[in-house]
Amino acid sequence: MPTLASQPLVLVLGLIASLAATVSLAADEPAGPSATLEQPAAATIAPEEALSRVGEEATVEFVVQAARKLDDKEVCFLNSHKDHRDQGNFTAVIFRAALARFAADGVANPAETYLGKTIRVSGTVAERSGQAQIVVESPTQVQVVEAGDPVSPEPEDR
């Protein structure tokens, strides 16, 4: 049985063990909001720069000049150029699963919603057929910067 003299030592050792466990747990968990401030944010770039950023996280800002939702293929394209075949075109691609997420957020047809608007699309830049694109998985990746005058949709075969 511990004596009265050894009780402070037991208390100190218990506090040290408790503190060590707390520090160890804190090191395993992500830090609070200040940690996000220290992480570099994705660069906001123009569509013309996107091809040089393949594989990188970026935010591409552009006016949606052409947009099309292909119901039969369950995919939507938001393009920075009127002609999606232009080499400098950037495309935000929204596949089936993400289209369902957009619909759940009240955006049934992203092509109609974003056409003519300036948007920022965030994600990993990829290359397809010599053009830059970001595959959009969530509505949170698309942000309207300002409402523009609607651009009349042009037929596309993409």
N, C-alpha and C. Protein backbone atom coordinates (compact mmCIF):
# COMPACT_ATOMS: atom_id res chain seq x y z
N MET A 1 0.84 -1.17 0.00
CA MET A 1 0.00 0.00 0.00
C MET A 1 0.89 1.24 0.00
N PRO A 2 0.61 2.23 -0.89
CA PRO A 2 1.47 3.41 -0.96
C PRO A 2 1.36 4.24 0.31
N THR A 3 2.49 4.79 0.69
CA THR A 3 2.53 5.64 1.86
C THR A 3 2.12 7.05 1.47
N LEU A 4 1.89 7.88 2.44
CA LEU A 4 1.49 9.26 2.20
C LEU A 4 2.58 10.01 1.43
N ALA A 5 3.82 9.67 1.67
CA ALA A 5 4.93 10.35 1.01
C ALA A 5 5.01 9.98 -0.46
N SER A 6 4.59 8.78 -0.84
CA SER A 6 4.71 8.37 -2.25
C SER A 6 3.52 8.81 -3.09
N GLN A 7 2.44 9.30 -2.48
CA GLN A 7 1.26 9.69 -3.25
C GLN A 7 1.53 10.83 -4.24
N PRO A 8 2.28 11.89 -3.88
CA PRO A 8 2.56 12.93 -4.89
C PRO A 8 3.31 12.37 -6.10
N LEU A 9 4.23 11.44 -5.85
CA LEU A 9 4.97 10.84 -6.95
C LEU A 9 4.04 10.07 -7.88
N VAL A 10 3.10 9.32 -7.32
CA VAL A 10 2.12 8.57 -8.10
C VAL A 10 1.26 9.53 -8.90
N LEU A 11 0.84 10.64 -8.29
CA LEU A 11 0.05 11.64 -8.99
C LEU A 11 0.82 12.23 -10.16
N VAL A 12 2.07 12.60 -9.93
CA VAL A 12 2.89 13.19 -10.99
C VAL A 12 3.08 12.20 -12.14
N LEU A 13 3.38 10.95 -11.82
CA LEU A 13 3.56 9.94 -12.86
C LEU A 13 2.26 9.71 -13.64
N GLY A 14 1.13 9.74 -12.93
CA GLY A 14 -0.17 9.59 -13.60
C GLY A 14 -0.46 10.75 -14.54
N LEU A 15 -0.13 11.97 -14.11
CA LEU A 15 -0.32 13.14 -14.96
C LEU A 15 0.57 13.09 -16.20
N ILE A 16 1.80 12.66 -16.01
CA ILE A 16 2.72 12.55 -17.15
C ILE A 16 2.22 11.52 -18.15
N ALA A 17 1.76 10.38 -17.66
CA ALA A 17 1.23 9.34 -18.55
C ALA A 17 0.00 9.84 -19.29
N SER A 18 -0.87 10.55 -18.60
CA SER A 18 -2.08 11.09 -19.22
C SER A 18 -1.73 12.13 -20.28
N LEU A 19 -0.79 13.00 -19.98
CA LEU A 19 -0.36 14.02 -20.93
C LEU A 19 0.28 13.39 -22.16
N ALA A 20 1.10 12.37 -21.96
CA ALA A 20 1.75 11.68 -23.07
C ALA A 20 0.71 11.04 -23.99
N ALA A 21 -0.32 10.43 -23.41
CA ALA A 21 -1.37 9.81 -24.21
C ALA A 21 -2.14 10.86 -25.01
N THR A 22 -2.42 12.01 -24.40
CA THR A 22 -3.13 13.08 -25.08
C THR A 22 -2.32 13.62 -26.25
N VAL A 23 -1.04 13.86 -26.04
CA VAL A 23 -0.16 14.35 -27.11
C VAL A 23 -0.09 13.33 -28.23
N SER A 24 0.00 12.05 -27.90
CA SER A 24 0.06 11.00 -28.92
C SER A 24 -1.22 10.97 -29.75
N LEU A 25 -2.39 11.06 -29.10
CA LEU A 25 -3.66 11.08 -29.83
C LEU A 25 -3.78 12.31 -30.70
N ALA A 26 -3.36 13.45 -30.21
CA ALA A 26 -3.45 14.69 -30.98
C ALA A 26 -2.58 14.63 -32.22
N ALA A 27 -1.45 13.95 -32.14
CA ALA A 27 -0.56 13.85 -33.30
C ALA A 27 -1.18 12.98 -34.39
N ASP A 28 -2.05 12.03 -34.02
CA ASP A 28 -2.68 11.15 -35.00
C ASP A 28 -3.88 11.79 -35.69
N GLU A 29 -4.45 12.82 -35.10
CA GLU A 29 -5.64 13.45 -35.67
C GLU A 29 -5.25 14.70 -36.44
N PRO A 30 -6.03 15.04 -37.48
CA PRO A 30 -5.72 16.28 -38.19
C PRO A 30 -5.91 17.47 -37.27
N ALA A 31 -5.08 18.45 -37.48
CA ALA A 31 -5.19 19.66 -36.67
C ALA A 31 -6.47 20.40 -37.03
N GLY A 32 -6.85 21.33 -36.21
CA GLY A 32 -8.09 22.08 -36.42
C GLY A 32 -8.03 22.98 -37.63
N PRO A 33 -8.89 23.99 -37.67
CA PRO A 33 -9.00 24.87 -38.83
C PRO A 33 -7.71 25.55 -39.22
N SER A 34 -6.81 25.78 -38.28
CA SER A 34 -5.57 26.45 -38.63
C SER A 34 -4.72 25.61 -39.58
N ALA A 35 -4.86 24.28 -39.55
CA ALA A 35 -4.09 23.43 -40.44
C ALA A 35 -4.51 23.65 -41.89
N THR A 36 -5.78 23.91 -42.12
CA THR A 36 -6.23 24.14 -43.49
C THR A 36 -5.63 25.42 -44.04
N LEU A 37 -5.42 26.39 -43.17
CA LEU A 37 -4.84 27.64 -43.63
C LEU A 37 -3.39 27.45 -44.06
N GLU A 38 -2.71 26.50 -43.47
CA GLU A 38 -1.31 26.27 -43.80
C GLU A 38 -1.14 25.47 -45.08
N GLN A 39 -2.18 24.72 -45.49
CA GLN A 39 -2.08 23.93 -46.69
C GLN A 39 -2.26 24.83 -47.91
N PRO A 40 -1.45 24.64 -48.96
CA PRO A 40 -1.60 25.49 -50.13
C PRO A 40 -2.94 25.23 -50.81
N ALA A 41 -3.62 26.30 -51.17
CA ALA A 41 -4.90 26.18 -51.89
C ALA A 41 -4.61 25.90 -53.36
N ALA A 42 -5.57 25.27 -54.02
CA ALA A 42 -5.42 25.01 -55.45
C ALA A 42 -5.35 26.34 -56.18
N ALA A 43 -4.44 26.45 -57.12
CA ALA A 43 -4.27 27.67 -57.88
C ALA A 43 -5.47 27.90 -58.79
N THR A 44 -5.92 29.15 -58.91
CA THR A 44 -6.97 29.48 -59.87
C THR A 44 -6.28 29.87 -61.16
N ILE A 45 -6.64 29.16 -62.23
CA ILE A 45 -5.96 29.37 -63.51
C ILE A 45 -6.98 29.57 -64.63
N ALA A 46 -6.49 30.09 -65.74
CA ALA A 46 -7.31 30.25 -66.95
C ALA A 46 -7.33 28.91 -67.69
N PRO A 47 -8.35 28.68 -68.51
CA PRO A 47 -8.44 27.41 -69.25
C PRO A 47 -7.20 27.11 -70.09
N GLU A 48 -6.59 28.16 -70.63
CA GLU A 48 -5.41 27.99 -71.48
C GLU A 48 -4.22 27.43 -70.71
N GLU A 49 -4.18 27.63 -69.42
CA GLU A 49 -3.08 27.15 -68.58
C GLU A 49 -3.28 25.71 -68.12
N ALA A 50 -4.50 25.21 -68.21
CA ALA A 50 -4.84 23.92 -67.59
C ALA A 50 -4.02 22.76 -68.14
N LEU A 51 -3.76 22.75 -69.44
CA LEU A 51 -3.03 21.63 -70.04
C LEU A 51 -1.61 21.51 -69.47
N SER A 52 -1.04 22.62 -69.02
CA SER A 52 0.30 22.57 -68.43
C SER A 52 0.25 22.15 -66.96
N ARG A 53 -0.95 21.90 -66.43
CA ARG A 53 -1.12 21.53 -65.03
C ARG A 53 -1.69 20.12 -64.86
N VAL A 54 -1.56 19.29 -65.88
CA VAL A 54 -2.11 17.93 -65.81
C VAL A 54 -1.54 17.20 -64.59
N GLY A 55 -2.43 16.56 -63.84
CA GLY A 55 -2.04 15.83 -62.64
C GLY A 55 -2.04 16.67 -61.38
N GLU A 56 -2.26 17.97 -61.53
CA GLU A 56 -2.25 18.87 -60.38
C GLU A 56 -3.67 19.25 -59.99
N GLU A 57 -3.83 19.59 -58.71
CA GLU A 57 -5.09 20.16 -58.23
C GLU A 57 -5.12 21.62 -58.68
N ALA A 58 -6.22 22.05 -59.25
CA ALA A 58 -6.34 23.44 -59.69
C ALA A 58 -7.81 23.83 -59.71
N THR A 59 -8.02 25.13 -59.78
CA THR A 59 -9.35 25.69 -59.98
C THR A 59 -9.29 26.45 -61.28
N VAL A 60 -10.11 26.04 -62.24
CA VAL A 60 -10.13 26.67 -63.56
C VAL A 60 -11.35 27.58 -63.63
N GLU A 61 -11.11 28.84 -63.94
CA GLU A 61 -12.20 29.81 -64.06
C GLU A 61 -12.44 30.10 -65.53
N PHE A 62 -13.71 29.98 -65.95
CA PHE A 62 -14.04 30.24 -67.35
C PHE A 62 -15.52 30.52 -67.52
N VAL A 63 -15.85 31.15 -68.65
CA VAL A 63 -17.25 31.34 -69.03
C VAL A 63 -17.66 30.09 -69.79
N VAL A 64 -18.78 29.50 -69.42
CA VAL A 64 -19.26 28.31 -70.11
C VAL A 64 -19.86 28.77 -71.45
N GLN A 65 -19.09 28.55 -72.52
CA GLN A 65 -19.48 28.98 -73.86
C GLN A 65 -20.38 27.96 -74.56
N ALA A 66 -20.22 26.71 -74.20
CA ALA A 66 -21.04 25.64 -74.77
C ALA A 66 -21.23 24.58 -73.70
N ALA A 67 -22.41 24.01 -73.67
CA ALA A 67 -22.71 23.00 -72.65
C ALA A 67 -23.72 22.03 -73.23
N ARG A 68 -23.56 20.78 -72.84
CA ARG A 68 -24.48 19.77 -73.36
C ARG A 68 -24.58 18.61 -72.39
N LYS A 69 -25.81 18.22 -72.13
CA LYS A 69 -26.07 17.04 -71.32
C LYS A 69 -26.59 15.96 -72.26
N LEU A 70 -25.89 14.84 -72.31
CA LEU A 70 -26.30 13.72 -73.15
C LEU A 70 -27.05 12.73 -72.28
N ASP A 71 -28.37 12.77 -72.36
CA ASP A 71 -29.19 11.92 -71.50
C ASP A 71 -28.96 10.44 -71.76
N ASP A 72 -28.76 10.08 -73.05
CA ASP A 72 -28.58 8.66 -73.37
C ASP A 72 -27.28 8.10 -72.80
N LYS A 73 -26.26 8.96 -72.65
CA LYS A 73 -24.98 8.51 -72.10
C LYS A 73 -24.80 8.95 -70.66
N GLU A 74 -25.76 9.71 -70.16
CA GLU A 74 -25.73 10.21 -68.78
C GLU A 74 -24.41 10.89 -68.45
N VAL A 75 -24.09 11.90 -69.26
CA VAL A 75 -22.88 12.69 -69.07
C VAL A 75 -23.18 14.13 -69.49
N CYS A 76 -22.47 15.06 -68.88
CA CYS A 76 -22.65 16.48 -69.19
C CYS A 76 -21.27 17.10 -69.41
N PHE A 77 -21.19 17.99 -70.41
CA PHE A 77 -19.95 18.68 -70.72
C PHE A 77 -20.17 20.18 -70.59
N LEU A 78 -19.27 20.85 -69.88
CA LEU A 78 -19.26 22.30 -69.78
C LEU A 78 -17.96 22.76 -70.42
N ASN A 79 -18.05 23.51 -71.53
CA ASN A 79 -16.87 23.86 -72.32
C ASN A 79 -16.54 25.34 -72.27
N SER A 80 -15.25 25.64 -72.30
CA SER A 80 -14.78 27.03 -72.30
C SER A 80 -14.83 27.65 -73.69
N HIS A 81 -14.93 26.85 -74.73
CA HIS A 81 -15.04 27.35 -76.12
C HIS A 81 -16.36 26.89 -76.71
N LYS A 82 -16.85 27.64 -77.69
CA LYS A 82 -18.10 27.24 -78.35
C LYS A 82 -17.93 25.93 -79.09
N ASP A 83 -16.75 25.73 -79.67
CA ASP A 83 -16.46 24.47 -80.37
C ASP A 83 -15.58 23.61 -79.46
N HIS A 84 -16.14 22.52 -78.98
CA HIS A 84 -15.39 21.68 -78.05
C HIS A 84 -14.16 21.04 -78.69
N ARG A 85 -14.05 21.10 -79.99
CA ARG A 85 -12.89 20.52 -80.68
C ARG A 85 -11.68 21.47 -80.70
N ASP A 86 -11.88 22.74 -80.37
CA ASP A 86 -10.77 23.70 -80.35
C ASP A 86 -9.69 23.20 -79.39
N GLN A 87 -8.45 23.28 -79.82
CA GLN A 87 -7.34 22.79 -78.99
C GLN A 87 -7.28 23.48 -77.64
N GLY A 88 -7.63 24.74 -77.55
CA GLY A 88 -7.55 25.47 -76.28
C GLY A 88 -8.74 25.26 -75.38
N ASN A 89 -9.69 24.43 -75.81
CA ASN A 89 -10.90 24.22 -75.01
C ASN A 89 -10.58 23.47 -73.72
N PHE A 90 -11.26 23.89 -72.67
CA PHE A 90 -11.21 23.20 -71.39
C PHE A 90 -12.62 22.66 -71.13
N THR A 91 -12.71 21.45 -70.60
CA THR A 91 -14.02 20.84 -70.35
C THR A 91 -14.14 20.37 -68.90
N ALA A 92 -15.27 20.71 -68.30
CA ALA A 92 -15.65 20.10 -67.02
C ALA A 92 -16.61 18.98 -67.39
N VAL A 93 -16.28 17.76 -67.00
CA VAL A 93 -17.07 16.58 -67.35
C VAL A 93 -17.80 16.08 -66.11
N ILE A 94 -19.10 15.87 -66.25
CA ILE A 94 -19.91 15.40 -65.12
C ILE A 94 -20.57 14.08 -65.55
N PHE A 95 -20.15 12.98 -64.93
CA PHE A 95 -20.69 11.67 -65.27
C PHE A 95 -21.94 11.34 -64.43
N ARG A 96 -22.52 10.21 -64.70
CA ARG A 96 -23.80 9.76 -64.13
C ARG A 96 -23.93 9.95 -62.62
N ALA A 97 -23.00 9.40 -61.85
CA ALA A 97 -23.11 9.48 -60.39
C ALA A 97 -23.12 10.93 -59.91
N ALA A 98 -22.27 11.75 -60.51
CA ALA A 98 -22.23 13.16 -60.12
C ALA A 98 -23.48 13.89 -60.58
N LEU A 99 -24.03 13.52 -61.74
CA LEU A 99 -25.27 14.14 -62.20
C LEU A 99 -26.39 13.91 -61.18
N ALA A 100 -26.40 12.73 -60.59
CA ALA A 100 -27.40 12.43 -59.55
C ALA A 100 -27.19 13.34 -58.34
N ARG A 101 -25.94 13.61 -57.99
CA ARG A 101 -25.65 14.51 -56.86
C ARG A 101 -26.09 15.94 -57.18
N PHE A 102 -25.87 16.36 -58.43
CA PHE A 102 -26.32 17.69 -58.84
C PHE A 102 -27.84 17.77 -58.75
N ALA A 103 -28.53 16.73 -59.24
CA ALA A 103 -30.00 16.71 -59.19
C ALA A 103 -30.49 16.78 -57.74
N ALA A 104 -29.82 16.06 -56.85
CA ALA A 104 -30.19 16.08 -55.43
C ALA A 104 -30.00 17.48 -54.83
N ASP A 105 -29.07 18.25 -55.41
CA ASP A 105 -28.82 19.63 -54.96
C ASP A 105 -29.72 20.63 -55.69
N GLY A 106 -30.63 20.15 -56.53
CA GLY A 106 -31.56 21.04 -57.23
C GLY A 106 -31.10 21.49 -58.59
N VAL A 107 -30.01 20.92 -59.10
CA VAL A 107 -29.52 21.27 -60.43
C VAL A 107 -29.75 20.06 -61.34
N ALA A 108 -30.94 20.00 -61.93
CA ALA A 108 -31.31 18.84 -62.75
C ALA A 108 -30.50 18.78 -64.05
N ASN A 109 -30.19 19.94 -64.61
CA ASN A 109 -29.43 19.97 -65.86
C ASN A 109 -28.31 21.00 -65.75
N PRO A 110 -27.10 20.56 -65.38
CA PRO A 110 -25.99 21.51 -65.25
C PRO A 110 -25.70 22.28 -66.54
N ALA A 111 -25.95 21.67 -67.70
CA ALA A 111 -25.71 22.36 -68.97
C ALA A 111 -26.56 23.62 -69.05
N GLU A 112 -27.83 23.51 -68.72
CA GLU A 112 -28.72 24.67 -68.76
C GLU A 112 -28.40 25.66 -67.64
N THR A 113 -28.07 25.15 -66.47
CA THR A 113 -27.81 26.00 -65.31
C THR A 113 -26.57 26.86 -65.49
N TYR A 114 -25.50 26.29 -66.04
CA TYR A 114 -24.22 27.00 -66.09
C TYR A 114 -23.91 27.68 -67.42
N LEU A 115 -24.65 27.39 -68.47
CA LEU A 115 -24.38 27.99 -69.78
C LEU A 115 -24.42 29.51 -69.69
N GLY A 116 -23.37 30.15 -70.18
CA GLY A 116 -23.28 31.60 -70.18
C GLY A 116 -22.78 32.21 -68.88
N LYS A 117 -22.52 31.38 -67.90
CA LYS A 117 -22.06 31.88 -66.60
C LYS A 117 -20.56 31.67 -66.44
N THR A 118 -19.96 32.53 -65.64
CA THR A 118 -18.56 32.36 -65.27
C THR A 118 -18.54 31.44 -64.06
N ILE A 119 -17.79 30.35 -64.20
CA ILE A 119 -17.72 29.37 -63.12
C ILE A 119 -16.27 29.08 -62.77
N ARG A 120 -16.09 28.52 -61.59
CA ARG A 120 -14.79 27.98 -61.17
C ARG A 120 -15.01 26.50 -60.92
N VAL A 121 -14.19 25.69 -61.56
CA VAL A 121 -14.26 24.24 -61.39
C VAL A 121 -12.96 23.79 -60.75
N SER A 122 -13.08 23.11 -59.62
CA SER A 122 -11.90 22.65 -58.88
C SER A 122 -11.77 21.14 -58.98
N GLY A 123 -10.52 20.68 -59.05
CA GLY A 123 -10.26 19.25 -59.10
C GLY A 123 -8.90 18.98 -59.71
N THR A 124 -8.68 17.72 -60.04
CA THR A 124 -7.41 17.32 -60.65
C THR A 124 -7.52 17.48 -62.15
N VAL A 125 -6.58 18.22 -62.71
CA VAL A 125 -6.57 18.45 -64.16
C VAL A 125 -6.08 17.18 -64.84
N ALA A 126 -6.82 16.76 -65.86
CA ALA A 126 -6.45 15.58 -66.65
C ALA A 126 -6.39 15.99 -68.12
N GLU A 127 -5.81 15.12 -68.93
CA GLU A 127 -5.71 15.37 -70.37
C GLU A 127 -6.46 14.28 -71.10
N ARG A 128 -7.24 14.69 -72.09
CA ARG A 128 -7.96 13.74 -72.94
C ARG A 128 -7.93 14.27 -74.36
N SER A 129 -7.38 13.50 -75.25
CA SER A 129 -7.29 13.88 -76.67
C SER A 129 -6.64 15.25 -76.87
N GLY A 130 -5.61 15.52 -76.08
CA GLY A 130 -4.86 16.76 -76.23
C GLY A 130 -5.52 17.97 -75.60
N GLN A 131 -6.59 17.77 -74.85
CA GLN A 131 -7.29 18.88 -74.20
C GLN A 131 -7.35 18.64 -72.69
N ALA A 132 -7.44 19.75 -71.96
CA ALA A 132 -7.50 19.66 -70.51
C ALA A 132 -8.95 19.51 -70.05
N GLN A 133 -9.11 18.76 -68.97
CA GLN A 133 -10.44 18.59 -68.39
C GLN A 133 -10.32 18.31 -66.90
N ILE A 134 -11.42 18.53 -66.21
CA ILE A 134 -11.57 18.10 -64.82
C ILE A 134 -12.86 17.29 -64.76
N VAL A 135 -12.77 16.11 -64.19
CA VAL A 135 -13.96 15.29 -63.97
C VAL A 135 -14.56 15.74 -62.65
N VAL A 136 -15.80 16.21 -62.72
CA VAL A 136 -16.50 16.73 -61.55
C VAL A 136 -17.24 15.58 -60.87
N GLU A 137 -16.96 15.37 -59.59
CA GLU A 137 -17.59 14.31 -58.82
C GLU A 137 -18.69 14.84 -57.90
N SER A 138 -18.67 16.15 -57.61
CA SER A 138 -19.58 16.73 -56.63
C SER A 138 -19.94 18.16 -57.03
N PRO A 139 -21.16 18.59 -56.74
CA PRO A 139 -21.55 19.97 -57.02
C PRO A 139 -20.67 20.99 -56.29
N THR A 140 -20.04 20.59 -55.21
CA THR A 140 -19.18 21.53 -54.48
C THR A 140 -17.94 21.91 -55.27
N GLN A 141 -17.65 21.18 -56.34
CA GLN A 141 -16.49 21.50 -57.17
C GLN A 141 -16.78 22.62 -58.17
N VAL A 142 -18.05 23.00 -58.31
CA VAL A 142 -18.44 24.03 -59.27
C VAL A 142 -19.00 25.22 -58.51
N GLN A 143 -18.45 26.38 -58.78
CA GLN A 143 -18.89 27.60 -58.12
C GLN A 143 -19.18 28.65 -59.19
N VAL A 144 -20.37 29.26 -59.13
CA VAL A 144 -20.71 30.34 -60.06
C VAL A 144 -20.05 31.61 -59.53
N VAL A 145 -19.27 32.26 -60.41
CA VAL A 145 -18.58 33.48 -60.03
C VAL A 145 -19.48 34.68 -60.27
N GLU A 146 -20.11 34.71 -61.44
CA GLU A 146 -21.03 35.79 -61.78
C GLU A 146 -21.98 35.28 -62.86
N ALA A 147 -23.20 35.76 -62.82
CA ALA A 147 -24.17 35.36 -63.84
C ALA A 147 -23.87 36.16 -65.11
N GLY A 148 -23.85 35.49 -66.23
CA GLY A 148 -23.62 36.17 -67.50
C GLY A 148 -24.86 36.10 -68.36
N ASP A 149 -24.81 36.79 -69.48
CA ASP A 149 -25.91 36.67 -70.42
C ASP A 149 -25.87 35.28 -71.02
N PRO A 150 -27.03 34.66 -71.16
CA PRO A 150 -27.04 33.30 -71.72
C PRO A 150 -26.44 33.26 -73.12
N VAL A 151 -25.64 32.25 -73.35
CA VAL A 151 -25.07 32.04 -74.67
C VAL A 151 -25.93 30.97 -75.31
N SER A 152 -26.36 31.22 -76.54
CA SER A 152 -27.23 30.22 -77.17
C SER A 152 -26.44 28.95 -77.41
N PRO A 153 -27.02 27.81 -77.00
CA PRO A 153 -26.31 26.54 -77.16
C PRO A 153 -26.13 26.20 -78.63
N GLU A 154 -24.96 25.67 -78.91
CA GLU A 154 -24.69 25.22 -80.27
C GLU A 154 -24.67 23.70 -80.29
N PRO A 155 -25.14 23.11 -81.37
CA PRO A 155 -25.14 21.63 -81.43
C PRO A 155 -23.72 21.11 -81.33
N GLU A 156 -23.59 20.06 -80.57
CA GLU A 156 -22.30 19.39 -80.43
C GLU A 156 -22.52 17.91 -80.56
N ASP A 157 -21.52 17.21 -81.05
CA ASP A 157 -21.64 15.76 -81.15
C ASP A 157 -20.86 15.05 -80.06
N ARG A 158 -20.51 15.76 -79.03
CA ARG A 158 -19.74 15.20 -77.93
C ARG A 158 -20.61 14.85 -76.79
